[in-house]
PDB file of N, CA and C in Angstrom:
ATOM      1  N   MET A   1    -171.764 -75.272  99.758  1.00  0.00           N
ATOM      2  CA  MET A   1    -171.547 -76.655  99.453  1.00  0.00           C
ATOM      3  C   MET A   1    -171.169 -77.373 100.746  1.00  0.00           C
ATOM      4  N   ALA A   2    -171.938 -78.353 101.131  1.00  0.00           N
ATOM      5  CA  ALA A   2    -171.661 -79.144 102.321  1.00  0.00           C
ATOM      6  C   ALA A   2    -170.682 -80.262 101.973  1.00  0.00           C
ATOM      7  N   VAL A   3    -169.738 -80.482 102.869  1.00  0.00           N
ATOM      8  CA  VAL A   3    -168.731 -81.515 102.676  1.00  0.00           C
ATOM      9  C   VAL A   3    -168.606 -82.299 103.974  1.00  0.00           C
ATOM     10  N   ALA A   4    -168.569 -83.603 103.885  1.00  0.00           N
ATOM     11  CA  ALA A   4    -168.365 -84.445 105.060  1.00  0.00           C
ATOM     12  C   ALA A   4    -166.874 -84.510 105.363  1.00  0.00           C
ATOM     13  N   ILE A   5    -166.518 -84.269 106.625  1.00  0.00           N
ATOM     14  CA  ILE A   5    -165.119 -84.367 107.045  1.00  0.00           C
ATOM     15  C   ILE A   5    -165.053 -85.160 108.344  1.00  0.00           C
ATOM     16  N   LYS A   6    -163.910 -85.770 108.599  1.00  0.00           N
ATOM     17  CA  LYS A   6    -163.710 -86.507 109.842  1.00  0.00           C
ATOM     18  C   LYS A   6    -163.109 -85.565 110.875  1.00  0.00           C
ATOM     19  N   LEU A   7    -163.691 -85.585 112.057  1.00  0.00           N
ATOM     20  CA  LEU A   7    -163.208 -84.776 113.168  1.00  0.00           C
ATOM     21  C   LEU A   7    -162.973 -85.677 114.363  1.00  0.00           C
ATOM     22  N   SER A   8    -162.091 -85.274 115.235  1.00  0.00           N
ATOM     23  CA  SER A   8    -161.821 -86.081 116.421  1.00  0.00           C
ATOM     24  C   SER A   8    -163.045 -86.092 117.340  1.00  0.00           C
ATOM     25  N   ASP A   9    -163.182 -87.177 118.079  1.00  0.00           N
ATOM     26  CA  ASP A   9    -164.278 -87.273 119.048  1.00  0.00           C
ATOM     27  C   ASP A   9    -164.173 -86.161 120.083  1.00  0.00           C
ATOM     28  N   GLU A  10    -162.954 -85.829 120.461  1.00  0.00           N
ATOM     29  CA  GLU A  10    -162.736 -84.778 121.464  1.00  0.00           C
ATOM     30  C   GLU A  10    -163.272 -83.433 120.973  1.00  0.00           C
ATOM     31  N   LEU A  11    -162.970 -83.080 119.735  1.00  0.00           N
ATOM     32  CA  LEU A  11    -163.459 -81.812 119.180  1.00  0.00           C
ATOM     33  C   LEU A  11    -164.983 -81.812 119.098  1.00  0.00           C
ATOM     34  N   VAL A  12    -165.559 -82.902 118.645  1.00  0.00           N
ATOM     35  CA  VAL A  12    -167.012 -82.986 118.509  1.00  0.00           C
ATOM     36  C   VAL A  12    -167.679 -82.890 119.883  1.00  0.00           C
ATOM     37  N   ASN A  13    -167.117 -83.566 120.882  1.00  0.00           N
ATOM     38  CA  ASN A  13    -167.687 -83.497 122.230  1.00  0.00           C
ATOM     39  C   ASN A  13    -167.590 -82.090 122.810  1.00  0.00           C
ATOM     40  N   ASP A  14    -166.443 -81.427 122.596  1.00  0.00           N
ATOM     41  CA  ASP A  14    -166.309 -80.030 123.032  1.00  0.00           C
ATOM     42  C   ASP A  14    -167.324 -79.147 122.322  1.00  0.00           C
ATOM     43  N   ALA A  15    -167.485 -79.368 121.025  1.00  0.00           N
ATOM     44  CA  ALA A  15    -168.436 -78.566 120.245  1.00  0.00           C
ATOM     45  C   ALA A  15    -169.856 -78.751 120.762  1.00  0.00           C
ATOM     46  N   LYS A  16    -170.202 -79.958 121.167  1.00  0.00           N
ATOM     47  CA  LYS A  16    -171.545 -80.206 121.702  1.00  0.00           C
ATOM     48  C   LYS A  16    -171.794 -79.387 122.967  1.00  0.00           C
ATOM     49  N   LEU A  17    -170.792 -79.332 123.849  1.00  0.00           N
ATOM     50  CA  LEU A  17    -170.939 -78.560 125.088  1.00  0.00           C
ATOM     51  C   LEU A  17    -171.068 -77.064 124.808  1.00  0.00           C
ATOM     52  N   TYR A  18    -170.153 -76.543 124.009  1.00  0.00           N
ATOM     53  CA  TYR A  18    -170.182 -75.119 123.692  1.00  0.00           C
ATOM     54  C   TYR A  18    -171.431 -74.766 122.890  1.00  0.00           C
ATOM     55  N   ALA A  19    -171.837 -75.643 121.994  1.00  0.00           N
ATOM     56  CA  ALA A  19    -173.017 -75.392 121.169  1.00  0.00           C
ATOM     57  C   ALA A  19    -174.256 -75.257 122.034  1.00  0.00           C
ATOM     58  N   LYS A  20    -174.386 -76.135 123.006  1.00  0.00           N
ATOM     59  CA  LYS A  20    -175.542 -76.061 123.889  1.00  0.00           C
ATOM     60  C   LYS A  20    -175.553 -74.743 124.657  1.00  0.00           C
ATOM     61  N   ALA A  21    -174.404 -74.332 125.149  1.00  0.00           N
ATOM     62  CA  ALA A  21    -174.309 -73.077 125.901  1.00  0.00           C
ATOM     63  C   ALA A  21    -174.581 -71.861 125.022  1.00  0.00           C
ATOM     64  N   GLN A  22    -174.231 -71.949 123.745  1.00  0.00           N
ATOM     65  CA  GLN A  22    -174.385 -70.817 122.823  1.00  0.00           C
ATOM     66  C   GLN A  22    -175.642 -70.926 121.958  1.00  0.00           C
ATOM     67  N   HIS A  23    -176.466 -71.929 122.225  1.00  0.00           N
ATOM     68  CA  HIS A  23    -177.709 -72.142 121.469  1.00  0.00           C
ATOM     69  C   HIS A  23    -177.437 -72.318 119.974  1.00  0.00           C
ATOM     70  N   ARG A  24    -176.425 -73.139 119.685  1.00  0.00           N
ATOM     71  CA  ARG A  24    -176.082 -73.489 118.308  1.00  0.00           C
ATOM     72  C   ARG A  24    -176.127 -75.003 118.171  1.00  0.00           C
ATOM     73  N   THR A  25    -176.111 -75.469 116.944  1.00  0.00           N
ATOM     74  CA  THR A  25    -175.914 -76.900 116.718  1.00  0.00           C
ATOM     75  C   THR A  25    -174.407 -77.167 116.771  1.00  0.00           C
ATOM     76  N   PRO A  26    -173.987 -78.398 117.053  1.00  0.00           N
ATOM     77  CA  PRO A  26    -172.542 -78.675 117.050  1.00  0.00           C
ATOM     78  C   PRO A  26    -171.864 -78.316 115.726  1.00  0.00           C
ATOM     79  N   PRO A  27    -172.456 -78.616 114.553  1.00  0.00           N
ATOM     80  CA  PRO A  27    -171.787 -78.192 113.316  1.00  0.00           C
ATOM     81  C   PRO A  27    -171.657 -76.669 113.210  1.00  0.00           C
ATOM     82  N   LYS A  28    -172.674 -75.932 113.638  1.00  0.00           N
ATOM     83  CA  LYS A  28    -172.592 -74.465 113.590  1.00  0.00           C
ATOM     84  C   LYS A  28    -171.537 -73.953 114.569  1.00  0.00           C
ATOM     85  N   GLN A  29    -171.375 -74.642 115.706  1.00  0.00           N
ATOM     86  CA  GLN A  29    -170.335 -74.242 116.658  1.00  0.00           C
ATOM     87  C   GLN A  29    -168.966 -74.420 116.039  1.00  0.00           C
ATOM     88  N   ILE A  30    -168.750 -75.535 115.356  1.00  0.00           N
ATOM     89  CA  ILE A  30    -167.459 -75.783 114.704  1.00  0.00           C
ATOM     90  C   ILE A  30    -167.236 -74.763 113.592  1.00  0.00           C
ATOM     91  N   GLU A  31    -168.286 -74.418 112.842  1.00  0.00           N
ATOM     92  CA  GLU A  31    -168.160 -73.370 111.820  1.00  0.00           C
ATOM     93  C   GLU A  31    -167.777 -72.041 112.468  1.00  0.00           C
ATOM     94  N   HIS A  32    -168.376 -71.734 113.612  1.00  0.00           N
ATOM     95  CA  HIS A  32    -168.059 -70.488 114.329  1.00  0.00           C
ATOM     96  C   HIS A  32    -166.587 -70.473 114.736  1.00  0.00           C
ATOM     97  N   TRP A  33    -166.126 -71.576 115.323  1.00  0.00           N
ATOM     98  CA  TRP A  33    -164.717 -71.653 115.712  1.00  0.00           C
ATOM     99  C   TRP A  33    -163.808 -71.490 114.507  1.00  0.00           C
ATOM    100  N   ALA A  34    -164.173 -72.097 113.395  1.00  0.00           N
ATOM    101  CA  ALA A  34    -163.358 -71.981 112.185  1.00  0.00           C
ATOM    102  C   ALA A  34    -163.323 -70.542 111.692  1.00  0.00           C
ATOM    103  N   GLN A  35    -164.472 -69.880 111.737  1.00  0.00           N
ATOM    104  CA  GLN A  35    -164.544 -68.487 111.283  1.00  0.00           C
ATOM    105  C   GLN A  35    -163.697 -67.580 112.176  1.00  0.00           C
ATOM    106  N   VAL A  36    -163.802 -67.763 113.486  1.00  0.00           N
ATOM    107  CA  VAL A  36    -163.007 -66.959 114.425  1.00  0.00           C
ATOM    108  C   VAL A  36    -161.520 -67.243 114.223  1.00  0.00           C
ATOM    109  N   GLY A  37    -161.164 -68.501 114.088  1.00  0.00           N
ATOM    110  CA  GLY A  37    -159.759 -68.865 113.884  1.00  0.00           C
ATOM    111  C   GLY A  37    -159.207 -68.296 112.600  1.00  0.00           C
ATOM    112  N   LYS A  38    -160.000 -68.337 111.537  1.00  0.00           N
ATOM    113  CA  LYS A  38    -159.566 -67.777 110.251  1.00  0.00           C
ATOM    114  C   LYS A  38    -159.321 -66.280 110.381  1.00  0.00           C
ATOM    115  N   MET A  39    -160.269 -65.579 111.022  1.00  0.00           N
ATOM    116  CA  MET A  39    -160.101 -64.132 111.206  1.00  0.00           C
ATOM    117  C   MET A  39    -158.876 -63.827 112.057  1.00  0.00           C
ATOM    118  N   ALA A  40    -158.654 -64.629 113.089  1.00  0.00           N
ATOM    119  CA  ALA A  40    -157.506 -64.404 113.971  1.00  0.00           C
ATOM    120  C   ALA A  40    -156.189 -64.623 113.222  1.00  0.00           C
ATOM    121  N   GLU A  41    -156.140 -65.634 112.368  1.00  0.00           N
ATOM    122  CA  GLU A  41    -154.914 -65.878 111.598  1.00  0.00           C
ATOM    123  C   GLU A  41    -154.678 -64.789 110.561  1.00  0.00           C
ATOM    124  N   GLU A  42    -155.754 -64.295 109.954  1.00  0.00           N
ATOM    125  CA  GLU A  42    -155.621 -63.255 108.937  1.00  0.00           C
ATOM    126  C   GLU A  42    -155.322 -61.889 109.551  1.00  0.00           C
ATOM    127  N   ASN A  43    -155.647 -61.715 110.830  1.00  0.00           N
ATOM    128  CA  ASN A  43    -155.474 -60.425 111.514  1.00  0.00           C
ATOM    129  C   ASN A  43    -154.854 -60.666 112.891  1.00  0.00           C
ATOM    130  N   PRO A  44    -153.587 -61.072 112.953  1.00  0.00           N
ATOM    131  CA  PRO A  44    -152.992 -61.466 114.232  1.00  0.00           C
ATOM    132  C   PRO A  44    -152.907 -60.342 115.262  1.00  0.00           C
ATOM    133  N   ASP A  45    -153.043 -59.098 114.836  1.00  0.00           N
ATOM    134  CA  ASP A  45    -152.954 -57.988 115.784  1.00  0.00           C
ATOM    135  C   ASP A  45    -154.287 -57.644 116.436  1.00  0.00           C
ATOM    136  N   LEU A  46    -155.379 -58.246 115.967  1.00  0.00           N
ATOM    137  CA  LEU A  46    -156.693 -57.936 116.530  1.00  0.00           C
ATOM    138  C   LEU A  46    -156.956 -58.763 117.786  1.00  0.00           C
ATOM    139  N   PRO A  47    -157.455 -58.110 118.831  1.00  0.00           N
ATOM    140  CA  PRO A  47    -157.829 -58.869 120.029  1.00  0.00           C
ATOM    141  C   PRO A  47    -159.058 -59.738 119.750  1.00  0.00           C
ATOM    142  N   PHE A  48    -159.172 -60.826 120.493  1.00  0.00           N
ATOM    143  CA  PHE A  48    -160.286 -61.745 120.331  1.00  0.00           C
ATOM    144  C   PHE A  48    -161.623 -61.032 120.515  1.00  0.00           C
ATOM    145  N   THR A  49    -161.718 -60.139 121.489  1.00  0.00           N
ATOM    146  CA  THR A  49    -162.989 -59.437 121.733  1.00  0.00           C
ATOM    147  C   THR A  49    -163.380 -58.584 120.533  1.00  0.00           C
ATOM    148  N   PHE A  50    -162.412 -58.014 119.842  1.00  0.00           N
ATOM    149  CA  PHE A  50    -162.718 -57.222 118.651  1.00  0.00           C
ATOM    150  C   PHE A  50    -163.292 -58.122 117.555  1.00  0.00           C
ATOM    151  N   ILE A  51    -162.706 -59.308 117.393  1.00  0.00           N
ATOM    152  CA  ILE A  51    -163.205 -60.255 116.402  1.00  0.00           C
ATOM    153  C   ILE A  51    -164.649 -60.638 116.733  1.00  0.00           C
ATOM    154  N   GLN A  52    -164.933 -60.885 118.008  1.00  0.00           N
ATOM    155  CA  GLN A  52    -166.301 -61.203 118.424  1.00  0.00           C
ATOM    156  C   GLN A  52    -167.255 -60.063 118.085  1.00  0.00           C
ATOM    157  N   GLU A  53    -166.839 -58.838 118.339  1.00  0.00           N
ATOM    158  CA  GLU A  53    -167.679 -57.672 118.053  1.00  0.00           C
ATOM    159  C   GLU A  53    -167.938 -57.534 116.550  1.00  0.00           C
ATOM    160  N   VAL A  54    -166.934 -57.800 115.732  1.00  0.00           N
ATOM    161  CA  VAL A  54    -167.105 -57.746 114.278  1.00  0.00           C
ATOM    162  C   VAL A  54    -168.139 -58.775 113.831  1.00  0.00           C
ATOM    163  N   LEU A  55    -168.034 -59.993 114.344  1.00  0.00           N
ATOM    164  CA  LEU A  55    -168.993 -61.037 113.980  1.00  0.00           C
ATOM    165  C   LEU A  55    -170.406 -60.681 114.437  1.00  0.00           C
ATOM    166  N   LEU A  56    -170.527 -60.126 115.633  1.00  0.00           N
ATOM    167  CA  LEU A  56    -171.829 -59.714 116.139  1.00  0.00           C
ATOM    168  C   LEU A  56    -172.423 -58.599 115.293  1.00  0.00           C
ATOM    169  N   SER A  57    -171.622 -57.603 114.953  1.00  0.00           N
ATOM    170  CA  SER A  57    -172.145 -56.494 114.152  1.00  0.00           C
ATOM    171  C   SER A  57    -172.518 -56.962 112.742  1.00  0.00           C
ATOM    172  N   HIS A  58    -171.809 -57.943 112.221  1.00  0.00           N
ATOM    173  CA  HIS A  58    -172.174 -58.505 110.915  1.00  0.00           C
ATOM    174  C   HIS A  58    -173.548 -59.163 111.001  1.00  0.00           C
ATOM    175  N   GLU A  59    -173.792 -59.933 112.066  1.00  0.00           N
ATOM    176  CA  GLU A  59    -175.101 -60.579 112.242  1.00  0.00           C
ATOM    177  C   GLU A  59    -176.203 -59.540 112.442  1.00  0.00           C
ATOM    178  N   GLU A  60    -175.919 -58.488 113.189  1.00  0.00           N
ATOM    179  CA  GLU A  60    -176.912 -57.430 113.381  1.00  0.00           C
ATOM    180  C   GLU A  60    -177.271 -56.788 112.044  1.00  0.00           C
ATOM    181  N   ALA A  61    -176.279 -56.539 111.220  1.00  0.00           N
ATOM    182  CA  ALA A  61    -176.525 -55.937 109.907  1.00  0.00           C
ATOM    183  C   ALA A  61    -177.345 -56.882 109.031  1.00  0.00           C
ATOM    184  N   GLU A  62    -177.043 -58.186 109.095  1.00  0.00           N
ATOM    185  CA  GLU A  62    -177.788 -59.173 108.307  1.00  0.00           C
ATOM    186  C   GLU A  62    -179.268 -59.206 108.693  1.00  0.00           C
ATOM    187  N   HIS A  63    -179.549 -58.876 109.958  1.00  0.00           N
ATOM    188  CA  HIS A  63    -180.929 -58.919 110.452  1.00  0.00           C
ATOM    189  C   HIS A  63    -181.561 -57.529 110.529  1.00  0.00           C
ATOM    190  N   GLY A  64    -180.948 -56.548 109.881  1.00  0.00           N
ATOM    191  CA  GLY A  64    -181.523 -55.212 109.808  1.00  0.00           C
ATOM    192  C   GLY A  64    -181.491 -54.428 111.100  1.00  0.00           C
ATOM    193  N   GLN A  65    -180.660 -54.819 112.030  1.00  0.00           N
ATOM    194  CA  GLN A  65    -180.570 -54.116 113.310  1.00  0.00           C
ATOM    195  C   GLN A  65    -179.451 -53.068 113.241  1.00  0.00           C
ATOM    196  N   LEU A  66    -179.701 -52.046 112.459  1.00  0.00           N
ATOM    197  CA  LEU A  66    -178.717 -50.989 112.256  1.00  0.00           C
ATOM    198  C   LEU A  66    -179.256 -49.667 112.787  1.00  0.00           C
ATOM    199  N   GLU A  67    -178.342 -48.839 113.247  1.00  0.00           N
ATOM    200  CA  GLU A  67    -178.683 -47.478 113.663  1.00  0.00           C
ATOM    201  C   GLU A  67    -177.685 -46.531 113.020  1.00  0.00           C
ATOM    202  N   ALA A  68    -178.174 -45.392 112.587  1.00  0.00           N
ATOM    203  CA  ALA A  68    -177.277 -44.380 112.030  1.00  0.00           C
ATOM    204  C   ALA A  68    -176.426 -43.806 113.160  1.00  0.00           C
ATOM    205  N   TYR A  69    -175.166 -43.635 112.884  1.00  0.00           N
ATOM    206  CA  TYR A  69    -174.266 -43.065 113.881  1.00  0.00           C
ATOM    207  C   TYR A  69    -174.512 -41.566 113.973  1.00  0.00           C
ATOM    208  N   GLN A  70    -174.650 -41.063 115.177  1.00  0.00           N
ATOM    209  CA  GLN A  70    -174.870 -39.639 115.419  1.00  0.00           C
ATOM    210  C   GLN A  70    -173.543 -38.993 115.831  1.00  0.00           C
ATOM    211  N   PHE A  71    -173.019 -38.145 114.974  1.00  0.00           N
ATOM    212  CA  PHE A  71    -171.775 -37.458 115.300  1.00  0.00           C
ATOM    213  C   PHE A  71    -172.061 -36.313 116.263  1.00  0.00           C
ATOM    214  N   GLY A  72    -171.115 -36.091 117.179  1.00  0.00           N
ATOM    215  CA  GLY A  72    -171.195 -34.941 118.075  1.00  0.00           C
ATOM    216  C   GLY A  72    -172.120 -35.142 119.145  1.00  0.00           C
TER     217      GLY A  72
END
């Protein structure tokens, strides 16, 4: 469900810069920041890089880029 919300010009301008660098749209960049922030608040002991890796592995799984783990 899409909802219109008011955001500061500063946040939107920052999102435009980061979005361009990350090949996202500004709304998707803000969604990404919200998702990372939510995960960080729910898991305060996790390092930021771990959160990034979790998000990346989730996207890989969504796109069928999985490999079976080889033990030993």
